[in-house]
């Protein structure tokens, strides 16, 4: 796994992400799952803070779903905020190290989407987010799941870890929050993910496998994966809580 000395995210990736997120199956599917979960399990959103908002792709989706919400986005890297400000001019943005966050009782909802796996002190960050929530407020978190899916893709992304469900739930509970909804997603594609990661791990020099190849795929394949994820979202909407998946989603409440 990555070491604490490594940067929490490859800065040069923001430009690439901004160009491909809107058309890529994974980013689009994740947005649909997150926004559905917010509507179904949180309801009204008056004030929302996203930690590690990156280029603002998720926050833009939340803005469309909750147009009256007061949105704030924070990001460790200035390079991400450049794109986020263009996407949602009405939102407020700031550069922030989540381990140093000291706000208290400020937000109705806080989101951290594929963020805390980059941070060595993830328990400290969860404690900070819990303190920043208003009483009765909610946190929504998504993370990469299953240690057996660890690969060069995770190393390239500067992940500190992939989570086990019980581990994340315990850390959320230790922060003083109560989990109210948990499900995996990107579940139907786990066999393909596993094969891809086996292939990446077999390359010895790193040059034989490019982690970005998972995003740079043909249009027909992107459309097929989009269709699979749309079917999976239908299952989640019907109430199926998926036990296995490349990603894990948790919603927890304060008080």
C-alpha atoms as a PDB file:
ATOM      1  CA  UNK A   1       0.000   0.000   0.000  1.00  0.00           C
ATOM      2  CA  UNK A   2       1.020   3.632  -0.249  1.00  0.00           C
ATOM      3  CA  UNK A   3       3.187   5.267   2.399  1.00  0.00           C
ATOM      4  CA  UNK A   4       2.292   8.390   4.421  1.00  0.00           C
ATOM      5  CA  UNK A   5       4.986  10.331   2.570  1.00  0.00           C
ATOM      6  CA  UNK A   6       3.157   9.994  -0.739  1.00  0.00           C
ATOM      7  CA  UNK A   7       0.808  12.700  -1.942  1.00  0.00           C
ATOM      8  CA  UNK A   8      -2.864  11.874  -1.191  1.00  0.00           C
ATOM      9  CA  UNK A   9      -3.714  12.210  -4.893  1.00  0.00           C
ATOM     10  CA  UNK A  10      -1.765  12.627  -8.162  1.00  0.00           C
ATOM     11  CA  UNK A  11      -2.216  16.345  -8.866  1.00  0.00           C
ATOM     12  CA  UNK A  12      -1.811  15.949 -12.622  1.00  0.00           C
ATOM     13  CA  UNK A  13      -4.990  13.839 -12.694  1.00  0.00           C
ATOM     14  CA  UNK A  14      -7.402  16.743 -12.147  1.00  0.00           C
ATOM     15  CA  UNK A  15      -7.120  17.990 -15.724  1.00  0.00           C
ATOM     16  CA  UNK A  16      -7.745  14.481 -17.043  1.00  0.00           C
ATOM     17  CA  UNK A  17     -10.660  13.884 -14.689  1.00  0.00           C
ATOM     18  CA  UNK A  18     -12.365  17.127 -15.640  1.00  0.00           C
ATOM     19  CA  UNK A  19     -12.280  16.056 -19.286  1.00  0.00           C
ATOM     20  CA  UNK A  20     -13.598  12.511 -18.890  1.00  0.00           C
ATOM     21  CA  UNK A  21     -15.925  12.391 -15.842  1.00  0.00           C
ATOM     22  CA  UNK A  22     -19.152  13.467 -17.572  1.00  0.00           C
ATOM     23  CA  UNK A  23     -18.867  10.742 -20.195  1.00  0.00           C
ATOM     24  CA  UNK A  24     -17.418   7.898 -18.148  1.00  0.00           C
ATOM     25  CA  UNK A  25     -19.672   5.083 -16.933  1.00  0.00           C
ATOM     26  CA  UNK A  26     -18.188   4.884 -13.426  1.00  0.00           C
ATOM     27  CA  UNK A  27     -18.443   8.577 -12.526  1.00  0.00           C
ATOM     28  CA  UNK A  28     -21.948   8.833 -13.945  1.00  0.00           C
ATOM     29  CA  UNK A  29     -23.120   5.680 -12.155  1.00  0.00           C
ATOM     30  CA  UNK A  30     -21.639   6.784  -8.854  1.00  0.00           C
ATOM     31  CA  UNK A  31     -23.434  10.131  -9.103  1.00  0.00           C
ATOM     32  CA  UNK A  32     -26.774   8.387  -9.670  1.00  0.00           C
ATOM     33  CA  UNK A  33     -26.286   6.101  -6.676  1.00  0.00           C
ATOM     34  CA  UNK A  34     -25.199   8.940  -4.383  1.00  0.00           C
ATOM     35  CA  UNK A  35     -28.010  11.293  -5.386  1.00  0.00           C
ATOM     36  CA  UNK A  36     -30.629   8.549  -5.072  1.00  0.00           C
ATOM     37  CA  UNK A  37     -29.296   7.706  -1.595  1.00  0.00           C
ATOM     38  CA  UNK A  38     -29.418  11.355  -0.539  1.00  0.00           C
ATOM     39  CA  UNK A  39     -33.007  11.746  -1.702  1.00  0.00           C
ATOM     40  CA  UNK A  40     -34.157   8.447  -0.219  1.00  0.00           C
ATOM     41  CA  UNK A  41     -32.313   8.369   3.105  1.00  0.00           C
ATOM     42  CA  UNK A  42     -31.548  12.014   3.906  1.00  0.00           C
ATOM     43  CA  UNK A  43     -34.376  13.927   2.259  1.00  0.00           C
ATOM     44  CA  UNK A  44     -34.198  17.723   2.383  1.00  0.00           C
ATOM     45  CA  UNK A  45     -30.709  19.165   2.027  1.00  0.00           C
ATOM     46  CA  UNK A  46     -30.345  22.775   3.176  1.00  0.00           C
ATOM     47  CA  UNK A  47     -26.584  23.065   3.654  1.00  0.00           C
ATOM     48  CA  UNK A  48     -24.104  20.623   2.138  1.00  0.00           C
ATOM     49  CA  UNK A  49     -20.335  20.398   2.381  1.00  0.00           C
ATOM     50  CA  UNK A  50     -18.298  18.085   0.182  1.00  0.00           C
ATOM     51  CA  UNK A  51     -14.854  17.142   1.467  1.00  0.00           C
ATOM     52  CA  UNK A  52     -12.346  16.498  -1.300  1.00  0.00           C
ATOM     53  CA  UNK A  53     -14.655  17.782  -4.030  1.00  0.00           C
ATOM     54  CA  UNK A  54     -12.035  17.375  -6.756  1.00  0.00           C
ATOM     55  CA  UNK A  55     -13.230  18.932  -9.999  1.00  0.00           C
ATOM     56  CA  UNK A  56     -16.767  19.379  -8.649  1.00  0.00           C
ATOM     57  CA  UNK A  57     -18.443  16.645 -10.694  1.00  0.00           C
ATOM     58  CA  UNK A  58     -20.420  15.176  -7.777  1.00  0.00           C
ATOM     59  CA  UNK A  59     -21.226  18.589  -6.341  1.00  0.00           C
ATOM     60  CA  UNK A  60     -22.583  19.670  -9.723  1.00  0.00           C
ATOM     61  CA  UNK A  61     -24.942  16.676  -9.654  1.00  0.00           C
ATOM     62  CA  UNK A  62     -26.059  17.523  -6.128  1.00  0.00           C
ATOM     63  CA  UNK A  63     -26.676  21.126  -7.210  1.00  0.00           C
ATOM     64  CA  UNK A  64     -29.014  19.902  -9.963  1.00  0.00           C
ATOM     65  CA  UNK A  65     -30.820  17.533  -7.580  1.00  0.00           C
ATOM     66  CA  UNK A  66     -31.089  20.069  -4.724  1.00  0.00           C
ATOM     67  CA  UNK A  67     -31.075  23.493  -6.417  1.00  0.00           C
ATOM     68  CA  UNK A  68     -31.997  25.363  -3.229  1.00  0.00           C
ATOM     69  CA  UNK A  69     -29.244  23.876  -1.083  1.00  0.00           C
ATOM     70  CA  UNK A  70     -26.354  26.031   0.068  1.00  0.00           C
ATOM     71  CA  UNK A  71     -23.342  24.196  -1.298  1.00  0.00           C
ATOM     72  CA  UNK A  72     -19.750  24.308  -0.163  1.00  0.00           C
ATOM     73  CA  UNK A  73     -16.841  22.377  -1.548  1.00  0.00           C
ATOM     74  CA  UNK A  74     -13.415  21.845  -0.067  1.00  0.00           C
ATOM     75  CA  UNK A  75     -10.340  20.358  -1.666  1.00  0.00           C
ATOM     76  CA  UNK A  76      -6.788  19.723  -0.526  1.00  0.00           C
ATOM     77  CA  UNK A  77      -5.421  20.698  -3.941  1.00  0.00           C
ATOM     78  CA  UNK A  78      -5.912  24.069  -5.597  1.00  0.00           C
ATOM     79  CA  UNK A  79      -5.741  22.340  -8.988  1.00  0.00           C
ATOM     80  CA  UNK A  80      -9.094  20.664  -8.352  1.00  0.00           C
ATOM     81  CA  UNK A  81     -10.805  23.846  -7.203  1.00  0.00           C
ATOM     82  CA  UNK A  82      -9.987  25.559 -10.496  1.00  0.00           C
ATOM     83  CA  UNK A  83     -12.367  23.177 -12.272  1.00  0.00           C
ATOM     84  CA  UNK A  84     -14.931  22.990  -9.464  1.00  0.00           C
ATOM     85  CA  UNK A  85     -15.472  26.761  -9.441  1.00  0.00           C
ATOM     86  CA  UNK A  86     -16.223  26.672 -13.170  1.00  0.00           C
ATOM     87  CA  UNK A  87     -18.769  23.894 -12.754  1.00  0.00           C
ATOM     88  CA  UNK A  88     -20.784  25.429  -9.892  1.00  0.00           C
ATOM     89  CA  UNK A  89     -20.200  29.201  -9.770  1.00  0.00           C
ATOM     90  CA  UNK A  90     -22.887  29.624  -7.090  1.00  0.00           C
ATOM     91  CA  UNK A  91     -21.141  27.311  -4.601  1.00  0.00           C
ATOM     92  CA  UNK A  92     -18.513  28.395  -2.090  1.00  0.00           C
ATOM     93  CA  UNK A  93     -15.125  26.722  -2.271  1.00  0.00           C
ATOM     94  CA  UNK A  94     -12.065  26.608  -0.075  1.00  0.00           C
ATOM     95  CA  UNK A  95      -8.762  24.821   0.074  1.00  0.00           C
ATOM     96  CA  UNK A  96      -8.780  22.574   3.136  1.00  0.00           C
ATOM     97  CA  UNK A  97      -6.848  19.809   4.828  1.00  0.00           C
ATOM     98  CA  UNK A  98      -9.622  17.685   6.363  1.00  0.00           C
ATOM     99  CA  UNK A  99      -7.319  16.555   9.184  1.00  0.00           C
ATOM    100  CA  UNK A 100      -7.197  20.178  10.372  1.00  0.00           C
ATOM    101  CA  UNK A 101     -10.913  20.915  10.071  1.00  0.00           C
ATOM    102  CA  UNK A 102     -12.254  22.502  13.271  1.00  0.00           C
ATOM    103  CA  UNK A 103     -15.849  23.563  12.485  1.00  0.00           C
ATOM    104  CA  UNK A 104     -18.667  22.591  14.838  1.00  0.00           C
ATOM    105  CA  UNK A 105     -22.417  22.128  14.223  1.00  0.00           C
ATOM    106  CA  UNK A 106     -22.291  23.828  10.814  1.00  0.00           C
ATOM    107  CA  UNK A 107     -23.784  21.549   8.151  1.00  0.00           C
ATOM    108  CA  UNK A 108     -26.932  19.517   7.551  1.00  0.00           C
ATOM    109  CA  UNK A 109     -25.085  17.074   5.300  1.00  0.00           C
ATOM    110  CA  UNK A 110     -21.427  16.344   4.631  1.00  0.00           C
ATOM    111  CA  UNK A 111     -20.221  14.156   1.777  1.00  0.00           C
ATOM    112  CA  UNK A 112     -16.871  12.444   1.281  1.00  0.00           C
ATOM    113  CA  UNK A 113     -16.823  10.525  -1.980  1.00  0.00           C
ATOM    114  CA  UNK A 114     -13.762   8.321  -2.528  1.00  0.00           C
ATOM    115  CA  UNK A 115     -11.711  10.624  -0.339  1.00  0.00           C
ATOM    116  CA  UNK A 116     -10.854   9.160   3.063  1.00  0.00           C
ATOM    117  CA  UNK A 117      -9.038   6.167   1.562  1.00  0.00           C
ATOM    118  CA  UNK A 118      -6.362   8.683   0.503  1.00  0.00           C
ATOM    119  CA  UNK A 119      -5.806   9.877   4.063  1.00  0.00           C
ATOM    120  CA  UNK A 120      -3.704   8.003   6.597  1.00  0.00           C
ATOM    121  CA  UNK A 121      -5.559   9.558   9.556  1.00  0.00           C
ATOM    122  CA  UNK A 122      -9.030   8.595   8.369  1.00  0.00           C
ATOM    123  CA  UNK A 123     -10.417   8.271  11.912  1.00  0.00           C
ATOM    124  CA  UNK A 124      -9.369  11.840  12.670  1.00  0.00           C
ATOM    125  CA  UNK A 125     -11.134  13.051   9.533  1.00  0.00           C
ATOM    126  CA  UNK A 126     -14.332  11.186  10.408  1.00  0.00           C
ATOM    127  CA  UNK A 127     -14.211  12.700  13.905  1.00  0.00           C
ATOM    128  CA  UNK A 128     -13.834  16.161  12.355  1.00  0.00           C
ATOM    129  CA  UNK A 129     -16.758  15.597   9.999  1.00  0.00           C
ATOM    130  CA  UNK A 130     -18.963  14.361  12.839  1.00  0.00           C
ATOM    131  CA  UNK A 131     -18.176  17.473  14.881  1.00  0.00           C
ATOM    132  CA  UNK A 132     -18.974  19.739  11.911  1.00  0.00           C
ATOM    133  CA  UNK A 133     -22.443  18.242  11.473  1.00  0.00           C
ATOM    134  CA  UNK A 134     -25.443  19.873  13.060  1.00  0.00           C
ATOM    135  CA  UNK A 135     -27.338  17.666  15.550  1.00  0.00           C
ATOM    136  CA  UNK A 136     -29.474  15.353  13.435  1.00  0.00           C
ATOM    137  CA  UNK A 137     -27.257  15.952  10.412  1.00  0.00           C
ATOM    138  CA  UNK A 138     -26.060  13.226   8.076  1.00  0.00           C
ATOM    139  CA  UNK A 139     -22.795  12.141   6.525  1.00  0.00           C
ATOM    140  CA  UNK A 140     -22.637  10.211   3.256  1.00  0.00           C
ATOM    141  CA  UNK A 141     -19.388   8.394   2.480  1.00  0.00           C
ATOM    142  CA  UNK A 142     -18.248   6.232  -0.420  1.00  0.00           C
ATOM    143  CA  UNK A 143     -14.977   4.303  -0.448  1.00  0.00           C
ATOM    144  CA  UNK A 144     -13.270   1.558  -2.469  1.00  0.00           C
ATOM    145  CA  UNK A 145     -14.017  -1.851  -0.948  1.00  0.00           C
ATOM    146  CA  UNK A 146     -12.344  -5.262  -0.510  1.00  0.00           C
ATOM    147  CA  UNK A 147      -8.662  -5.652   0.219  1.00  0.00           C
ATOM    148  CA  UNK A 148      -8.463  -8.515  -2.270  1.00  0.00           C
ATOM    149  CA  UNK A 149      -9.116  -5.991  -5.054  1.00  0.00           C
ATOM    150  CA  UNK A 150      -5.956  -4.055  -4.160  1.00  0.00           C
ATOM    151  CA  UNK A 151      -3.862  -3.427  -7.285  1.00  0.00           C
ATOM    152  CA  UNK A 152      -1.609  -0.990  -9.100  1.00  0.00           C
ATOM    153  CA  UNK A 153      -4.712   1.066  -9.797  1.00  0.00           C
ATOM    154  CA  UNK A 154      -4.902   1.804  -6.054  1.00  0.00           C
ATOM    155  CA  UNK A 155      -1.193   2.567  -5.904  1.00  0.00           C
ATOM    156  CA  UNK A 156      -1.500   4.936  -8.866  1.00  0.00           C
ATOM    157  CA  UNK A 157      -4.401   6.704  -7.137  1.00  0.00           C
ATOM    158  CA  UNK A 158      -2.351   6.992  -3.906  1.00  0.00           C
ATOM    159  CA  UNK A 159      -4.839   5.020  -1.838  1.00  0.00           C
ATOM    160  CA  UNK A 160      -3.845   4.224   1.712  1.00  0.00           C
ATOM    161  CA  UNK A 161      -6.323   1.337   1.839  1.00  0.00           C
ATOM    162  CA  UNK A 162      -9.368  -0.411   0.449  1.00  0.00           C
ATOM    163  CA  UNK A 163     -11.990  -0.862   3.158  1.00  0.00           C
ATOM    164  CA  UNK A 164     -13.629  -3.844   4.755  1.00  0.00           C
ATOM    165  CA  UNK A 165     -17.262  -3.043   5.561  1.00  0.00           C
ATOM    166  CA  UNK A 166     -16.933  -3.783   9.288  1.00  0.00           C
ATOM    167  CA  UNK A 167     -13.838  -1.569   9.479  1.00  0.00           C
ATOM    168  CA  UNK A 168     -15.566   1.486   8.033  1.00  0.00           C
ATOM    169  CA  UNK A 169     -18.697   1.002  10.125  1.00  0.00           C
ATOM    170  CA  UNK A 170     -16.597   0.727  13.277  1.00  0.00           C
ATOM    171  CA  UNK A 171     -14.710   3.927  12.467  1.00  0.00           C
ATOM    172  CA  UNK A 172     -17.943   5.778  11.759  1.00  0.00           C
ATOM    173  CA  UNK A 173     -19.397   4.521  15.040  1.00  0.00           C
ATOM    174  CA  UNK A 174     -16.237   5.581  16.886  1.00  0.00           C
ATOM    175  CA  UNK A 175     -16.759   9.119  15.576  1.00  0.00           C
ATOM    176  CA  UNK A 176     -20.119   9.233  17.372  1.00  0.00           C
ATOM    177  CA  UNK A 177     -22.331   8.703  14.326  1.00  0.00           C
ATOM    178  CA  UNK A 178     -25.037   6.090  13.801  1.00  0.00           C
ATOM    179  CA  UNK A 179     -25.090   4.280  10.459  1.00  0.00           C
ATOM    180  CA  UNK A 180     -28.561   4.234   8.913  1.00  0.00           C
ATOM    181  CA  UNK A 181     -27.910   2.867   5.421  1.00  0.00           C
ATOM    182  CA  UNK A 182     -25.174   0.663   3.981  1.00  0.00           C
ATOM    183  CA  UNK A 183     -24.782  -0.975   0.590  1.00  0.00           C
ATOM    184  CA  UNK A 184     -22.091  -1.993  -1.832  1.00  0.00           C
ATOM    185  CA  UNK A 185     -22.243  -0.884  -5.441  1.00  0.00           C
ATOM    186  CA  UNK A 186     -20.366  -1.696  -8.635  1.00  0.00           C
ATOM    187  CA  UNK A 187     -21.298  -5.212  -7.562  1.00  0.00           C
ATOM    188  CA  UNK A 188     -22.248  -6.896 -10.823  1.00  0.00           C
ATOM    189  CA  UNK A 189     -18.912  -5.886 -12.315  1.00  0.00           C
ATOM    190  CA  UNK A 190     -16.741  -7.325  -9.525  1.00  0.00           C
ATOM    191  CA  UNK A 191     -15.610 -10.306 -11.652  1.00  0.00           C
ATOM    192  CA  UNK A 192     -14.366  -7.934 -14.356  1.00  0.00           C
ATOM    193  CA  UNK A 193     -12.696  -5.726 -11.758  1.00  0.00           C
ATOM    194  CA  UNK A 194     -10.930  -8.726 -10.265  1.00  0.00           C
ATOM    195  CA  UNK A 195      -9.665  -9.916 -13.645  1.00  0.00           C
ATOM    196  CA  UNK A 196      -8.445  -6.432 -14.496  1.00  0.00           C
ATOM    197  CA  UNK A 197      -6.568  -6.171 -11.227  1.00  0.00           C
ATOM    198  CA  UNK A 198      -5.029  -9.623 -11.567  1.00  0.00           C
ATOM    199  CA  UNK A 199      -3.753  -8.496 -14.942  1.00  0.00           C
ATOM    200  CA  UNK A 200      -2.326  -5.289 -13.486  1.00  0.00           C
ATOM    201  CA  UNK A 201      -0.622  -7.083 -10.621  1.00  0.00           C
ATOM    202  CA  UNK A 202       1.075  -9.519 -12.987  1.00  0.00           C
ATOM    203  CA  UNK A 203       2.910  -6.704 -14.769  1.00  0.00           C
ATOM    204  CA  UNK A 204       6.271  -6.385 -13.073  1.00  0.00           C
ATOM    205  CA  UNK A 205       7.577  -3.079 -14.318  1.00  0.00           C
ATOM    206  CA  UNK A 206       4.430  -0.952 -14.349  1.00  0.00           C
ATOM    207  CA  UNK A 207       4.971  -0.067 -18.005  1.00  0.00           C
ATOM    208  CA  UNK A 208       3.093  -3.149 -19.178  1.00  0.00           C
ATOM    209  CA  UNK A 209      -0.103  -1.933 -17.537  1.00  0.00           C
ATOM    210  CA  UNK A 210      -1.519   1.579 -17.532  1.00  0.00           C
ATOM    211  CA  UNK A 211      -4.036   2.195 -14.702  1.00  0.00           C
ATOM    212  CA  UNK A 212      -5.690   4.905 -16.806  1.00  0.00           C
ATOM    213  CA  UNK A 213      -6.708   2.224 -19.304  1.00  0.00           C
ATOM    214  CA  UNK A 214      -9.716   1.501 -17.064  1.00  0.00           C
ATOM    215  CA  UNK A 215     -11.093   4.905 -18.008  1.00  0.00           C
ATOM    216  CA  UNK A 216      -9.888   5.079 -21.610  1.00  0.00           C
ATOM    217  CA  UNK A 217     -12.261   2.480 -23.037  1.00  0.00           C
ATOM    218  CA  UNK A 218     -14.188   2.189 -26.334  1.00  0.00           C
ATOM    219  CA  UNK A 219     -17.581   3.836 -26.569  1.00  0.00           C
ATOM    220  CA  UNK A 220     -19.416   0.523 -26.963  1.00  0.00           C
ATOM    221  CA  UNK A 221     -17.873  -0.842 -23.766  1.00  0.00           C
ATOM    222  CA  UNK A 222     -18.628   2.374 -21.894  1.00  0.00           C
ATOM    223  CA  UNK A 223     -22.269   2.056 -22.990  1.00  0.00           C
ATOM    224  CA  UNK A 224     -22.435  -1.603 -21.888  1.00  0.00           C
ATOM    225  CA  UNK A 225     -21.001  -0.837 -18.454  1.00  0.00           C
ATOM    226  CA  UNK A 226     -23.423   2.085 -18.120  1.00  0.00           C
ATOM    227  CA  UNK A 227     -26.299  -0.324 -18.815  1.00  0.00           C
ATOM    228  CA  UNK A 228     -25.077  -2.801 -16.193  1.00  0.00           C
ATOM    229  CA  UNK A 229     -24.835  -0.047 -13.600  1.00  0.00           C
ATOM    230  CA  UNK A 230     -28.303   1.230 -14.460  1.00  0.00           C
ATOM    231  CA  UNK A 231     -29.672  -2.274 -13.804  1.00  0.00           C
ATOM    232  CA  UNK A 232     -27.744  -2.415 -10.528  1.00  0.00           C
ATOM    233  CA  UNK A 233     -29.241   0.920  -9.462  1.00  0.00           C
ATOM    234  CA  UNK A 234     -32.696  -0.517 -10.120  1.00  0.00           C
ATOM    235  CA  UNK A 235     -31.882  -3.366  -7.729  1.00  0.00           C
ATOM    236  CA  UNK A 236     -30.716  -0.909  -5.077  1.00  0.00           C
ATOM    237  CA  UNK A 237     -33.844   1.192  -5.525  1.00  0.00           C
ATOM    238  CA  UNK A 238     -35.939  -1.933  -4.983  1.00  0.00           C
ATOM    239  CA  UNK A 239     -34.325  -2.314  -1.571  1.00  0.00           C
ATOM    240  CA  UNK A 240     -31.549  -4.817  -2.268  1.00  0.00           C
ATOM    241  CA  UNK A 241     -28.485  -4.071  -0.141  1.00  0.00           C
ATOM    242  CA  UNK A 242     -25.582  -5.567  -2.043  1.00  0.00           C
ATOM    243  CA  UNK A 243     -23.027  -7.380   0.142  1.00  0.00           C
ATOM    244  CA  UNK A 244     -20.113  -7.310  -2.320  1.00  0.00           C
ATOM    245  CA  UNK A 245     -18.942  -4.546  -4.648  1.00  0.00           C
ATOM    246  CA  UNK A 246     -16.020  -2.481  -5.781  1.00  0.00           C
ATOM    247  CA  UNK A 247     -17.399   0.445  -3.770  1.00  0.00           C
ATOM    248  CA  UNK A 248     -19.107   0.828  -0.402  1.00  0.00           C
ATOM    249  CA  UNK A 249     -21.678   3.494   0.494  1.00  0.00           C
ATOM    250  CA  UNK A 250     -22.589   4.450   4.062  1.00  0.00           C
ATOM    251  CA  UNK A 251     -24.991   7.090   5.363  1.00  0.00           C
ATOM    252  CA  UNK A 252     -24.757   7.903   9.069  1.00  0.00           C
ATOM    253  CA  UNK A 253     -26.537  10.357  11.342  1.00  0.00           C
ATOM    254  CA  UNK A 254     -25.510  12.515  14.263  1.00  0.00           C
ATOM    255  CA  UNK A 255     -27.644  11.998  17.326  1.00  0.00           C
END
